[in-house]
Amino acid sequence: MNDAARPLRIIALLLFALLAWLQYRLWFGEGGAVATANLQSQVDRQAAENRGLAQRNDLLAAEVENLKSGEAAAEERARSELGMIKPGETFHRVVEPPASVDVPAAVDEAPAP
């Protein structure tokens, strides 16, 4: 009876070893669960970065469209960033006087008699 069970034990041991090897590859091997989780976190980070860049691109596209369509936007940018004025305009700069510093007067104290 021991001789008849021996081949079954060897087959069971081989099947168990095969199962263990497959489980190891599933969890820790290339393309396994750990690698998949790492790739998923990279995909999530990249998607978040892409959303931010898409918002920035939308703002820039709106600004480009505004500059193309309206003269007022270009004029406002030229005035604020480049300090330009229209022909015939007079530029007046108002300079505020510097804040005065209150210096307390020196008090000479005479010794009391």
PDB file of N, CA and C in Angstrom:
ATOM      1  N   MET A   1       0.818  -1.189   0.000  1.00  0.00           N
ATOM      2  CA  MET A   1       0.000   0.000   0.000  1.00  0.00           C
ATOM      3  C   MET A   1       0.865   1.257   0.000  1.00  0.00           C
ATOM      4  N   ASN A   2       1.994   1.166   0.619  1.00  0.00           N
ATOM      5  CA  ASN A   2       2.911   2.280   0.650  1.00  0.00           C
ATOM      6  C   ASN A   2       3.471   2.544  -0.740  1.00  0.00           C
ATOM      7  N   ASP A   3       3.706   1.497  -1.505  1.00  0.00           N
ATOM      8  CA  ASP A   3       4.232   1.639  -2.855  1.00  0.00           C
ATOM      9  C   ASP A   3       3.204   2.250  -3.804  1.00  0.00           C
ATOM     10  N   ALA A   4       1.937   1.987  -3.591  1.00  0.00           N
ATOM     11  CA  ALA A   4       0.891   2.524  -4.462  1.00  0.00           C
ATOM     12  C   ALA A   4       0.645   4.004  -4.177  1.00  0.00           C
ATOM     13  N   ALA A   5       0.859   4.455  -2.982  1.00  0.00           N
ATOM     14  CA  ALA A   5       0.623   5.851  -2.611  1.00  0.00           C
ATOM     15  C   ALA A   5       1.802   6.748  -2.970  1.00  0.00           C
ATOM     16  N   ARG A   6       2.956   6.161  -3.177  1.00  0.00           N
ATOM     17  CA  ARG A   6       4.158   6.953  -3.471  1.00  0.00           C
ATOM     18  C   ARG A   6       4.014   7.794  -4.747  1.00  0.00           C
ATOM     19  N   PRO A   7       3.552   7.270  -5.877  1.00  0.00           N
ATOM     20  CA  PRO A   7       3.390   8.114  -7.069  1.00  0.00           C
ATOM     21  C   PRO A   7       2.371   9.235  -6.844  1.00  0.00           C
ATOM     22  N   LEU A   8       1.330   8.975  -6.062  1.00  0.00           N
ATOM     23  CA  LEU A   8       0.353  10.027  -5.783  1.00  0.00           C
ATOM     24  C   LEU A   8       0.961  11.135  -4.931  1.00  0.00           C
ATOM     25  N   ARG A   9       1.818  10.756  -4.004  1.00  0.00           N
ATOM     26  CA  ARG A   9       2.492  11.761  -3.174  1.00  0.00           C
ATOM     27  C   ARG A   9       3.438  12.610  -4.028  1.00  0.00           C
ATOM     28  N   ILE A  10       4.140  11.982  -4.941  1.00  0.00           N
ATOM     29  CA  ILE A  10       5.051  12.728  -5.815  1.00  0.00           C
ATOM     30  C   ILE A  10       4.257  13.683  -6.701  1.00  0.00           C
ATOM     31  N   ILE A  11       3.142  13.216  -7.233  1.00  0.00           N
ATOM     32  CA  ILE A  11       2.297  14.086  -8.073  1.00  0.00           C
ATOM     33  C   ILE A  11       1.728  15.234  -7.243  1.00  0.00           C
ATOM     34  N   ALA A  12       1.272  14.931  -6.022  1.00  0.00           N
ATOM     35  CA  ALA A  12       0.737  15.982  -5.151  1.00  0.00           C
ATOM     36  C   ALA A  12       1.822  17.001  -4.801  1.00  0.00           C
ATOM     37  N   LEU A  13       3.040  16.520  -4.530  1.00  0.00           N
ATOM     38  CA  LEU A  13       4.151  17.420  -4.220  1.00  0.00           C
ATOM     39  C   LEU A  13       4.492  18.296  -5.423  1.00  0.00           C
ATOM     40  N   LEU A  14       4.514  17.707  -6.608  1.00  0.00           N
ATOM     41  CA  LEU A  14       4.785  18.483  -7.824  1.00  0.00           C
ATOM     42  C   LEU A  14       3.682  19.517  -8.080  1.00  0.00           C
ATOM     43  N   LEU A  15       2.437  19.126  -7.873  1.00  0.00           N
ATOM     44  CA  LEU A  15       1.339  20.078  -8.049  1.00  0.00           C
ATOM     45  C   LEU A  15       1.417  21.214  -7.022  1.00  0.00           C
ATOM     46  N   PHE A  16       1.786  20.878  -5.789  1.00  0.00           N
ATOM     47  CA  PHE A  16       1.934  21.913  -4.764  1.00  0.00           C
ATOM     48  C   PHE A  16       3.083  22.860  -5.120  1.00  0.00           C
ATOM     49  N   ALA A  17       4.201  22.312  -5.596  1.00  0.00           N
ATOM     50  CA  ALA A  17       5.340  23.150  -6.005  1.00  0.00           C
ATOM     51  C   ALA A  17       4.945  24.045  -7.173  1.00  0.00           C
ATOM     52  N   LEU A  18       4.193  23.496  -8.118  1.00  0.00           N
ATOM     53  CA  LEU A  18       3.718  24.293  -9.248  1.00  0.00           C
ATOM     54  C   LEU A  18       2.800  25.421  -8.776  1.00  0.00           C
ATOM     55  N   LEU A  19       1.903  25.108  -7.850  1.00  0.00           N
ATOM     56  CA  LEU A  19       1.013  26.127  -7.304  1.00  0.00           C
ATOM     57  C   LEU A  19       1.795  27.226  -6.584  1.00  0.00           C
ATOM     58  N   ALA A  20       2.790  26.824  -5.793  1.00  0.00           N
ATOM     59  CA  ALA A  20       3.614  27.805  -5.074  1.00  0.00           C
ATOM     60  C   ALA A  20       4.370  28.695  -6.057  1.00  0.00           C
ATOM     61  N   TRP A  21       4.939  28.093  -7.103  1.00  0.00           N
ATOM     62  CA  TRP A  21       5.673  28.871  -8.100  1.00  0.00           C
ATOM     63  C   TRP A  21       4.752  29.846  -8.821  1.00  0.00           C
ATOM     64  N   LEU A  22       3.545  29.403  -9.187  1.00  0.00           N
ATOM     65  CA  LEU A  22       2.587  30.294  -9.851  1.00  0.00           C
ATOM     66  C   LEU A  22       2.137  31.429  -8.936  1.00  0.00           C
ATOM     67  N   GLN A  23       1.928  31.137  -7.672  1.00  0.00           N
ATOM     68  CA  GLN A  23       1.542  32.183  -6.722  1.00  0.00           C
ATOM     69  C   GLN A  23       2.666  33.205  -6.544  1.00  0.00           C
ATOM     70  N   TYR A  24       3.900  32.724  -6.485  1.00  0.00           N
ATOM     71  CA  TYR A  24       5.036  33.642  -6.371  1.00  0.00           C
ATOM     72  C   TYR A  24       5.086  34.568  -7.577  1.00  0.00           C
ATOM     73  N   ARG A  25       4.947  34.021  -8.769  1.00  0.00           N
ATOM     74  CA  ARG A  25       4.965  34.856  -9.982  1.00  0.00           C
ATOM     75  C   ARG A  25       3.797  35.820 -10.016  1.00  0.00           C
ATOM     76  N   LEU A  26       2.643  35.384  -9.514  1.00  0.00           N
ATOM     77  CA  LEU A  26       1.465  36.246  -9.500  1.00  0.00           C
ATOM     78  C   LEU A  26       1.687  37.455  -8.608  1.00  0.00           C
ATOM     79  N   TRP A  27       2.246  37.247  -7.439  1.00  0.00           N
ATOM     80  CA  TRP A  27       2.384  38.341  -6.480  1.00  0.00           C
ATOM     81  C   TRP A  27       3.665  39.132  -6.644  1.00  0.00           C
ATOM     82  N   PHE A  28       4.790  38.481  -6.915  1.00  0.00           N
ATOM     83  CA  PHE A  28       6.072  39.166  -6.890  1.00  0.00           C
ATOM     84  C   PHE A  28       6.799  39.190  -8.228  1.00  0.00           C
ATOM     85  N   GLY A  29       6.368  38.445  -9.180  1.00  0.00           N
ATOM     86  CA  GLY A  29       7.070  38.364 -10.460  1.00  0.00           C
ATOM     87  C   GLY A  29       6.805  39.580 -11.339  1.00  0.00           C
ATOM     88  N   GLU A  30       7.452  39.588 -12.499  1.00  0.00           N
ATOM     89  CA  GLU A  30       7.273  40.677 -13.456  1.00  0.00           C
ATOM     90  C   GLU A  30       5.828  40.676 -13.948  1.00  0.00           C
ATOM     91  N   GLY A  31       5.180  41.818 -13.838  1.00  0.00           N
ATOM     92  CA  GLY A  31       3.781  41.916 -14.231  1.00  0.00           C
ATOM     93  C   GLY A  31       2.840  41.394 -13.165  1.00  0.00           C
ATOM     94  N   GLY A  32       3.367  41.172 -11.964  1.00  0.00           N
ATOM     95  CA  GLY A  32       2.547  40.663 -10.876  1.00  0.00           C
ATOM     96  C   GLY A  32       1.767  41.776 -10.188  1.00  0.00           C
ATOM     97  N   ALA A  33       1.187  41.429  -9.067  1.00  0.00           N
ATOM     98  CA  ALA A  33       0.325  42.365  -8.338  1.00  0.00           C
ATOM     99  C   ALA A  33       1.101  43.581  -7.835  1.00  0.00           C
ATOM    100  N   VAL A  34       2.325  43.380  -7.357  1.00  0.00           N
ATOM    101  CA  VAL A  34       3.126  44.498  -6.837  1.00  0.00           C
ATOM    102  C   VAL A  34       3.498  45.452  -7.970  1.00  0.00           C
ATOM    103  N   ALA A  35       3.947  44.909  -9.082  1.00  0.00           N
ATOM    104  CA  ALA A  35       4.305  45.743 -10.228  1.00  0.00           C
ATOM    105  C   ALA A  35       3.078  46.460 -10.771  1.00  0.00           C
ATOM    106  N   THR A  36       1.947  45.787 -10.784  1.00  0.00           N
ATOM    107  CA  THR A  36       0.710  46.408 -11.262  1.00  0.00           C
ATOM    108  C   THR A  36       0.288  47.561 -10.357  1.00  0.00           C
ATOM    109  N   ALA A  37       0.417  47.380  -9.050  1.00  0.00           N
ATOM    110  CA  ALA A  37       0.081  48.461  -8.120  1.00  0.00           C
ATOM    111  C   ALA A  37       1.008  49.657  -8.313  1.00  0.00           C
ATOM    112  N   ASN A  38       2.308  49.406  -8.522  1.00  0.00           N
ATOM    113  CA  ASN A  38       3.255  50.497  -8.778  1.00  0.00           C
ATOM    114  C   ASN A  38       2.900  51.241 -10.058  1.00  0.00           C
ATOM    115  N   LEU A  39       2.587  50.504 -11.100  1.00  0.00           N
ATOM    116  CA  LEU A  39       2.212  51.147 -12.369  1.00  0.00           C
ATOM    117  C   LEU A  39       0.921  51.946 -12.223  1.00  0.00           C
ATOM    118  N   GLN A  40      -0.035  51.424 -11.454  1.00  0.00           N
ATOM    119  CA  GLN A  40      -1.288  52.139 -11.257  1.00  0.00           C
ATOM    120  C   GLN A  40      -1.052  53.453 -10.515  1.00  0.00           C
ATOM    121  N   SER A  41      -0.155  53.452  -9.533  1.00  0.00           N
ATOM    122  CA  SER A  41       0.134  54.703  -8.824  1.00  0.00           C
ATOM    123  C   SER A  41       0.827  55.699  -9.755  1.00  0.00           C
ATOM    124  N   GLN A  42       1.693  55.221 -10.640  1.00  0.00           N
ATOM    125  CA  GLN A  42       2.319  56.111 -11.619  1.00  0.00           C
ATOM    126  C   GLN A  42       1.281  56.689 -12.572  1.00  0.00           C
ATOM    127  N   VAL A  43       0.339  55.860 -12.997  1.00  0.00           N
ATOM    128  CA  VAL A  43      -0.722  56.326 -13.893  1.00  0.00           C
ATOM    129  C   VAL A  43      -1.575  57.382 -13.199  1.00  0.00           C
ATOM    130  N   ASP A  44      -1.890  57.171 -11.928  1.00  0.00           N
ATOM    131  CA  ASP A  44      -2.693  58.148 -11.181  1.00  0.00           C
ATOM    132  C   ASP A  44      -1.968  59.482 -11.048  1.00  0.00           C
ATOM    133  N   ARG A  45      -0.659  59.425 -10.730  1.00  0.00           N
ATOM    134  CA  ARG A  45       0.126  60.666 -10.620  1.00  0.00           C
ATOM    135  C   ARG A  45       0.171  61.399 -11.960  1.00  0.00           C
ATOM    136  N   GLN A  46       0.387  60.644 -13.037  1.00  0.00           N
ATOM    137  CA  GLN A  46       0.464  61.261 -14.361  1.00  0.00           C
ATOM    138  C   GLN A  46      -0.871  61.858 -14.768  1.00  0.00           C
ATOM    139  N   ALA A  47      -1.960  61.182 -14.416  1.00  0.00           N
ATOM    140  CA  ALA A  47      -3.293  61.709 -14.742  1.00  0.00           C
ATOM    141  C   ALA A  47      -3.551  63.010 -13.994  1.00  0.00           C
ATOM    142  N   ALA A  48      -3.136  63.091 -12.728  1.00  0.00           N
ATOM    143  CA  ALA A  48      -3.307  64.324 -11.961  1.00  0.00           C
ATOM    144  C   ALA A  48      -2.473  65.454 -12.573  1.00  0.00           C
ATOM    145  N   GLU A  49      -1.243  65.144 -12.962  1.00  0.00           N
ATOM    146  CA  GLU A  49      -0.393  66.154 -13.600  1.00  0.00           C
ATOM    147  C   GLU A  49      -1.002  66.604 -14.930  1.00  0.00           C
ATOM    148  N   ASN A  50      -1.542  65.654 -15.688  1.00  0.00           N
ATOM    149  CA  ASN A  50      -2.168  65.994 -16.969  1.00  0.00           C
ATOM    150  C   ASN A  50      -3.378  66.892 -16.786  1.00  0.00           C
ATOM    151  N   ARG A  51      -4.167  66.644 -15.723  1.00  0.00           N
ATOM    152  CA  ARG A  51      -5.323  67.514 -15.471  1.00  0.00           C
ATOM    153  C   ARG A  51      -4.873  68.946 -15.187  1.00  0.00           C
ATOM    154  N   GLY A  52      -3.822  69.106 -14.386  1.00  0.00           N
ATOM    155  CA  GLY A  52      -3.292  70.443 -14.107  1.00  0.00           C
ATOM    156  C   GLY A  52      -2.781  71.125 -15.361  1.00  0.00           C
ATOM    157  N   LEU A  53      -2.069  70.372 -16.187  1.00  0.00           N
ATOM    158  CA  LEU A  53      -1.552  70.945 -17.430  1.00  0.00           C
ATOM    159  C   LEU A  53      -2.678  71.283 -18.403  1.00  0.00           C
ATOM    160  N   ALA A  54      -3.728  70.474 -18.403  1.00  0.00           N
ATOM    161  CA  ALA A  54      -4.874  70.758 -19.278  1.00  0.00           C
ATOM    162  C   ALA A  54      -5.561  72.058 -18.841  1.00  0.00           C
ATOM    163  N   GLN A  55      -5.678  72.278 -17.534  1.00  0.00           N
ATOM    164  CA  GLN A  55      -6.261  73.533 -17.051  1.00  0.00           C
ATOM    165  C   GLN A  55      -5.398  74.714 -17.482  1.00  0.00           C
ATOM    166  N   ARG A  56      -4.077  74.570 -17.328  1.00  0.00           N
ATOM    167  CA  ARG A  56      -3.174  75.642 -17.735  1.00  0.00           C
ATOM    168  C   ARG A  56      -3.285  75.905 -19.234  1.00  0.00           C
ATOM    169  N   ASN A  57      -3.374  74.841 -20.022  1.00  0.00           N
ATOM    170  CA  ASN A  57      -3.516  74.998 -21.468  1.00  0.00           C
ATOM    171  C   ASN A  57      -4.825  75.704 -21.822  1.00  0.00           C
ATOM    172  N   ASP A  58      -5.899  75.370 -21.103  1.00  0.00           N
ATOM    173  CA  ASP A  58      -7.183  76.034 -21.359  1.00  0.00           C
ATOM    174  C   ASP A  58      -7.095  77.530 -21.067  1.00  0.00           C
ATOM    175  N   LEU A  59      -6.420  77.887 -19.955  1.00  0.00           N
ATOM    176  CA  LEU A  59      -6.262  79.303 -19.628  1.00  0.00           C
ATOM    177  C   LEU A  59      -5.433  80.025 -20.687  1.00  0.00           C
ATOM    178  N   LEU A  60      -4.354  79.380 -21.121  1.00  0.00           N
ATOM    179  CA  LEU A  60      -3.520  80.003 -22.155  1.00  0.00           C
ATOM    180  C   LEU A  60      -4.258  80.118 -23.481  1.00  0.00           C
ATOM    181  N   ALA A  61      -5.051  79.112 -23.825  1.00  0.00           N
ATOM    182  CA  ALA A  61      -5.819  79.170 -25.072  1.00  0.00           C
ATOM    183  C   ALA A  61      -6.849  80.297 -25.009  1.00  0.00           C
ATOM    184  N   ALA A  62      -7.475  80.476 -23.840  1.00  0.00           N
ATOM    185  CA  ALA A  62      -8.439  81.561 -23.690  1.00  0.00           C
ATOM    186  C   ALA A  62      -7.748  82.911 -23.801  1.00  0.00           C
ATOM    187  N   GLU A  63      -6.553  83.025 -23.239  1.00  0.00           N
ATOM    188  CA  GLU A  63      -5.814  84.289 -23.328  1.00  0.00           C
ATOM    189  C   GLU A  63      -5.387  84.569 -24.764  1.00  0.00           C
ATOM    190  N   VAL A  64      -4.949  83.543 -25.486  1.00  0.00           N
ATOM    191  CA  VAL A  64      -4.564  83.719 -26.891  1.00  0.00           C
ATOM    192  C   VAL A  64      -5.778  84.153 -27.709  1.00  0.00           C
ATOM    193  N   GLU A  65      -6.912  83.522 -27.474  1.00  0.00           N
ATOM    194  CA  GLU A  65      -8.127  83.884 -28.207  1.00  0.00           C
ATOM    195  C   GLU A  65      -8.524  85.316 -27.899  1.00  0.00           C
ATOM    196  N   ASN A  66      -8.394  85.707 -26.642  1.00  0.00           N
ATOM    197  CA  ASN A  66      -8.722  87.077 -26.242  1.00  0.00           C
ATOM    198  C   ASN A  66      -7.797  88.075 -26.931  1.00  0.00           C
ATOM    199  N   LEU A  67      -6.512  87.740 -26.996  1.00  0.00           N
ATOM    200  CA  LEU A  67      -5.562  88.640 -27.653  1.00  0.00           C
ATOM    201  C   LEU A  67      -5.807  88.717 -29.157  1.00  0.00           C
ATOM    202  N   LYS A  68      -6.213  87.602 -29.754  1.00  0.00           N
ATOM    203  CA  LYS A  68      -6.479  87.604 -31.196  1.00  0.00           C
ATOM    204  C   LYS A  68      -7.744  88.380 -31.538  1.00  0.00           C
ATOM    205  N   SER A  69      -8.748  88.262 -30.699  1.00  0.00           N
ATOM    206  CA  SER A  69     -10.046  88.827 -31.053  1.00  0.00           C
ATOM    207  C   SER A  69     -10.216  90.278 -30.626  1.00  0.00           C
ATOM    208  N   GLY A  70      -9.584  90.679 -29.563  1.00  0.00           N
ATOM    209  CA  GLY A  70      -9.851  92.026 -29.070  1.00  0.00           C
ATOM    210  C   GLY A  70      -8.618  92.893 -29.023  1.00  0.00           C
ATOM    211  N   GLU A  71      -8.793  94.133 -29.443  1.00  0.00           N
ATOM    212  CA  GLU A  71      -7.705  95.093 -29.380  1.00  0.00           C
ATOM    213  C   GLU A  71      -7.528  95.579 -27.946  1.00  0.00           C
ATOM    214  N   ALA A  72      -8.591  95.568 -27.187  1.00  0.00           N
ATOM    215  CA  ALA A  72      -8.537  96.071 -25.813  1.00  0.00           C
ATOM    216  C   ALA A  72      -7.580  95.236 -24.967  1.00  0.00           C
ATOM    217  N   ALA A  73      -7.558  93.930 -25.156  1.00  0.00           N
ATOM    218  CA  ALA A  73      -6.681  93.075 -24.358  1.00  0.00           C
ATOM    219  C   ALA A  73      -5.219  93.356 -24.687  1.00  0.00           C
ATOM    220  N   ALA A  74      -4.917  93.527 -25.970  1.00  0.00           N
ATOM    221  CA  ALA A  74      -3.542  93.825 -26.365  1.00  0.00           C
ATOM    222  C   ALA A  74      -3.129  95.194 -25.850  1.00  0.00           C
ATOM    223  N   GLU A  75      -4.043  96.156 -25.917  1.00  0.00           N
ATOM    224  CA  GLU A  75      -3.737  97.499 -25.423  1.00  0.00           C
ATOM    225  C   GLU A  75      -3.497  97.473 -23.916  1.00  0.00           C
ATOM    226  N   GLU A  76      -4.333  96.747 -23.206  1.00  0.00           N
ATOM    227  CA  GLU A  76      -4.185  96.685 -21.751  1.00  0.00           C
ATOM    228  C   GLU A  76      -2.856  96.031 -21.367  1.00  0.00           C
ATOM    229  N   ARG A  77      -2.491  94.987 -22.102  1.00  0.00           N
ATOM    230  CA  ARG A  77      -1.218  94.324 -21.811  1.00  0.00           C
ATOM    231  C   ARG A  77      -0.039  95.246 -22.141  1.00  0.00           C
ATOM    232  N   ALA A  78      -0.119  95.963 -23.246  1.00  0.00           N
ATOM    233  CA  ALA A  78       0.961  96.884 -23.618  1.00  0.00           C
ATOM    234  C   ALA A  78       1.100  97.995 -22.592  1.00  0.00           C
ATOM    235  N   ARG A  79      -0.018  98.483 -22.078  1.00  0.00           N
ATOM    236  CA  ARG A  79       0.037  99.552 -21.076  1.00  0.00           C
ATOM    237  C   ARG A  79       0.605  99.047 -19.749  1.00  0.00           C
ATOM    238  N   SER A  80       0.127  97.889 -19.288  1.00  0.00           N
ATOM    239  CA  SER A  80       0.535  97.431 -17.966  1.00  0.00           C
ATOM    240  C   SER A  80       1.938  96.839 -17.955  1.00  0.00           C
ATOM    241  N   GLU A  81       2.285  96.051 -18.954  1.00  0.00           N
ATOM    242  CA  GLU A  81       3.568  95.366 -18.931  1.00  0.00           C
ATOM    243  C   GLU A  81       4.688  96.152 -19.586  1.00  0.00           C
ATOM    244  N   LEU A  82       4.360  96.929 -20.605  1.00  0.00           N
ATOM    245  CA  LEU A  82       5.405  97.638 -21.347  1.00  0.00           C
ATOM    246  C   LEU A  82       5.427  99.137 -21.083  1.00  0.00           C
ATOM    247  N   GLY A  83       4.418  99.645 -20.376  1.00  0.00           N
ATOM    248  CA  GLY A  83       4.381 101.063 -20.058  1.00  0.00           C
ATOM    249  C   GLY A  83       4.114 101.942 -21.280  1.00  0.00           C
ATOM    250  N   MET A  84       3.427 101.436 -22.280  1.00  0.00           N
ATOM    251  CA  MET A  84       3.181 102.198 -23.504  1.00  0.00           C
ATOM    252  C   MET A  84       1.965 103.105 -23.337  1.00  0.00           C
ATOM    253  N   ILE A  85       1.961 104.194 -24.095  1.00  0.00           N
ATOM    254  CA  ILE A  85       0.824 105.119 -24.103  1.00  0.00           C
ATOM    255  C   ILE A  85       0.445 105.387 -25.553  1.00  0.00           C
ATOM    256  N   LYS A  86      -0.780 105.873 -25.745  1.00  0.00           N
ATOM    257  CA  LYS A  86      -1.258 106.187 -27.092  1.00  0.00           C
ATOM    258  C   LYS A  86      -0.669 107.515 -27.556  1.00  0.00           C
ATOM    259  N   PRO A  87      -0.612 107.693 -28.880  1.00  0.00           N
ATOM    260  CA  PRO A  87      -0.163 108.996 -29.384  1.00  0.00           C
ATOM    261  C   PRO A  87      -1.152 110.078 -28.951  1.00  0.00           C
ATOM    262  N   GLY A  88      -0.616 111.194 -28.512  1.00  0.00           N
ATOM    263  CA  GLY A  88      -1.468 112.306 -28.087  1.00  0.00           C
ATOM    264  C   GLY A  88      -1.800 112.254 -26.601  1.00  0.00           C
ATOM    265  N   GLU A  89      -1.534 111.162 -25.943  1.00  0.00           N
ATOM    266  CA  GLU A  89      -1.796 111.084 -24.510  1.00  0.00           C
ATOM    267  C   GLU A  89      -0.630 111.687 -23.745  1.00  0.00           C
ATOM    268  N   THR A  90      -0.945 112.160 -22.582  1.00  0.00           N
ATOM    269  CA  THR A  90       0.098 112.694 -21.705  1.00  0.00           C
ATOM    270  C   THR A  90       0.191 111.775 -20.496  1.00  0.00           C
ATOM    271  N   PHE A  91       1.382 111.381 -20.223  1.00  0.00           N
ATOM    272  CA  PHE A  91       1.601 110.461 -19.108  1.00  0.00           C
ATOM    273  C   PHE A  91       1.978 111.269 -17.882  1.00  0.00           C
ATOM    274  N   HIS A  92       1.242 111.054 -16.824  1.00  0.00           N
ATOM    275  CA  HIS A  92       1.533 111.732 -15.560  1.00  0.00           C
ATOM    276  C   HIS A  92       1.870 110.672 -14.528  1.00  0.00           C
ATOM    277  N   ARG A  93       2.984 110.840 -13.896  1.00  0.00           N
ATOM    278  CA  ARG A  93       3.367 109.918 -12.833  1.00  0.00           C
ATOM    279  C   ARG A  93       3.219 110.642 -11.513  1.00  0.00           C
ATOM    280  N   VAL A  94       2.505 110.045 -10.609  1.00  0.00           N
ATOM    281  CA  VAL A  94       2.309 110.615  -9.284  1.00  0.00           C
ATOM    282  C   VAL A  94       3.260 109.902  -8.342  1.00  0.00           C
ATOM    283  N   VAL A  95       4.144 110.690  -7.783  1.00  0.00           N
ATOM    284  CA  VAL A  95       5.122 110.129  -6.862  1.00  0.00           C
ATOM    285  C   VAL A  95       4.754 110.592  -5.468  1.00  0.00           C
ATOM    286  N   GLU A  96       4.530 109.643  -4.610  1.00  0.00           N
ATOM    287  CA  GLU A  96       4.177 109.965  -3.232  1.00  0.00           C
ATOM    288  C   GLU A  96       5.453 110.343  -2.489  1.00  0.00           C
ATOM    289  N   PRO A  97       5.357 111.358  -1.626  1.00  0.00           N
ATOM    290  CA  PRO A  97       6.555 111.712  -0.841  1.00  0.00           C
ATOM    291  C   PRO A  97       6.876 110.562   0.117  1.00  0.00           C
ATOM    292  N   PRO A  98       8.145 110.399   0.403  1.00  0.00           N
ATOM    293  CA  PRO A  98       8.501 109.315   1.317  1.00  0.00           C
ATOM    294  C   PRO A  98       7.901 109.581   2.698  1.00  0.00           C
ATOM    295  N   ALA A  99       7.592 108.528   3.363  1.00  0.00           N
ATOM    296  CA  ALA A  99       7.011 108.663   4.701  1.00  0.00           C
ATOM    297  C   ALA A  99       8.028 109.330   5.608  1.00  0.00           C
ATOM    298  N   SER A 100       7.574 110.350   6.325  1.00  0.00           N
ATOM    299  CA  SER A 100       8.501 111.063   7.205  1.00  0.00           C
ATOM    300  C   SER A 100       8.750 110.218   8.441  1.00  0.00           C
ATOM    301  N   VAL A 101       9.967 110.275   8.890  1.00  0.00           N
ATOM    302  CA  VAL A 101      10.352 109.522  10.066  1.00  0.00           C
ATOM    303  C   VAL A 101      10.348 110.489  11.243  1.00  0.00           C
ATOM    304  N   ASP A 102       9.556 110.186  12.225  1.00  0.00           N
ATOM    305  CA  ASP A 102       9.502 111.034  13.412  1.00  0.00           C
ATOM    306  C   ASP A 102      10.665 110.679  14.317  1.00  0.00           C
ATOM    307  N   VAL A 103      11.556 111.660  14.458  1.00  0.00           N
ATOM    308  CA  VAL A 103      12.702 111.473  15.337  1.00  0.00           C
ATOM    309  C   VAL A 103      12.429 112.298  16.579  1.00  0.00           C
ATOM    310  N   PRO A 104      12.392 111.711  17.717  1.00  0.00           N
ATOM    311  CA  PRO A 104      12.138 112.488  18.924  1.00  0.00           C
ATOM    312  C   PRO A 104      13.286 113.465  19.174  1.00  0.00           C
ATOM    313  N   ALA A 105      12.923 114.638  19.568  1.00  0.00           N
ATOM    314  CA  ALA A 105      13.929 115.672  19.845  1.00  0.00           C
ATOM    315  C   ALA A 105      14.726 115.256  21.079  1.00  0.00           C
ATOM    316  N   ALA A 106      16.006 115.558  20.996  1.00  0.00           N
ATOM    317  CA  ALA A 106      16.849 115.234  22.135  1.00  0.00           C
ATOM    318  C   ALA A 106      16.511 116.172  23.278  1.00  0.00           C
ATOM    319  N   VAL A 107      16.323 115.636  24.397  1.00  0.00           N
ATOM    320  CA  VAL A 107      15.983 116.439  25.571  1.00  0.00           C
ATOM    321  C   VAL A 107      17.212 116.477  26.480  1.00  0.00           C
ATOM    322  N   ASP A 108      17.662 117.701  26.691  1.00  0.00           N
ATOM    323  CA  ASP A 108      18.776 117.864  27.610  1.00  0.00           C
ATOM    324  C   ASP A 108      18.202 118.011  28.997  1.00  0.00           C
ATOM    325  N   GLU A 109      18.547 117.086  29.798  1.00  0.00           N
ATOM    326  CA  GLU A 109      18.061 117.179  31.171  1.00  0.00           C
ATOM    327  C   GLU A 109      19.184 117.707  32.035  1.00  0.00           C
ATOM    328  N   ALA A 110      18.860 118.749  32.700  1.00  0.00           N
ATOM    329  CA  ALA A 110      19.848 119.315  33.627  1.00  0.00           C
ATOM    330  C   ALA A 110      19.693 118.574  34.949  1.00  0.00           C
ATOM    331  N   PRO A 111      20.773 118.380  35.613  1.00  0.00           N
ATOM    332  CA  PRO A 111      20.670 117.701  36.897  1.00  0.00           C
ATOM    333  C   PRO A 111      19.879 118.542  37.872  1.00  0.00           C
ATOM    334  N   ALA A 112      19.080 117.889  38.621  1.00  0.00           N
ATOM    335  CA  ALA A 112      18.256 118.605  39.599  1.00  0.00           C
ATOM    336  C   ALA A 112      19.128 119.132  40.723  1.00  0.00           C
ATOM    337  N   PRO A 113      18.878 120.399  41.177  1.00  0.00           N
ATOM    338  CA  PRO A 113      19.733 120.947  42.263  1.00  0.00           C
ATOM    339  C   PRO A 113      19.404 120.377  43.599  1.00  0.00           C
TER     340      PRO A 113
END
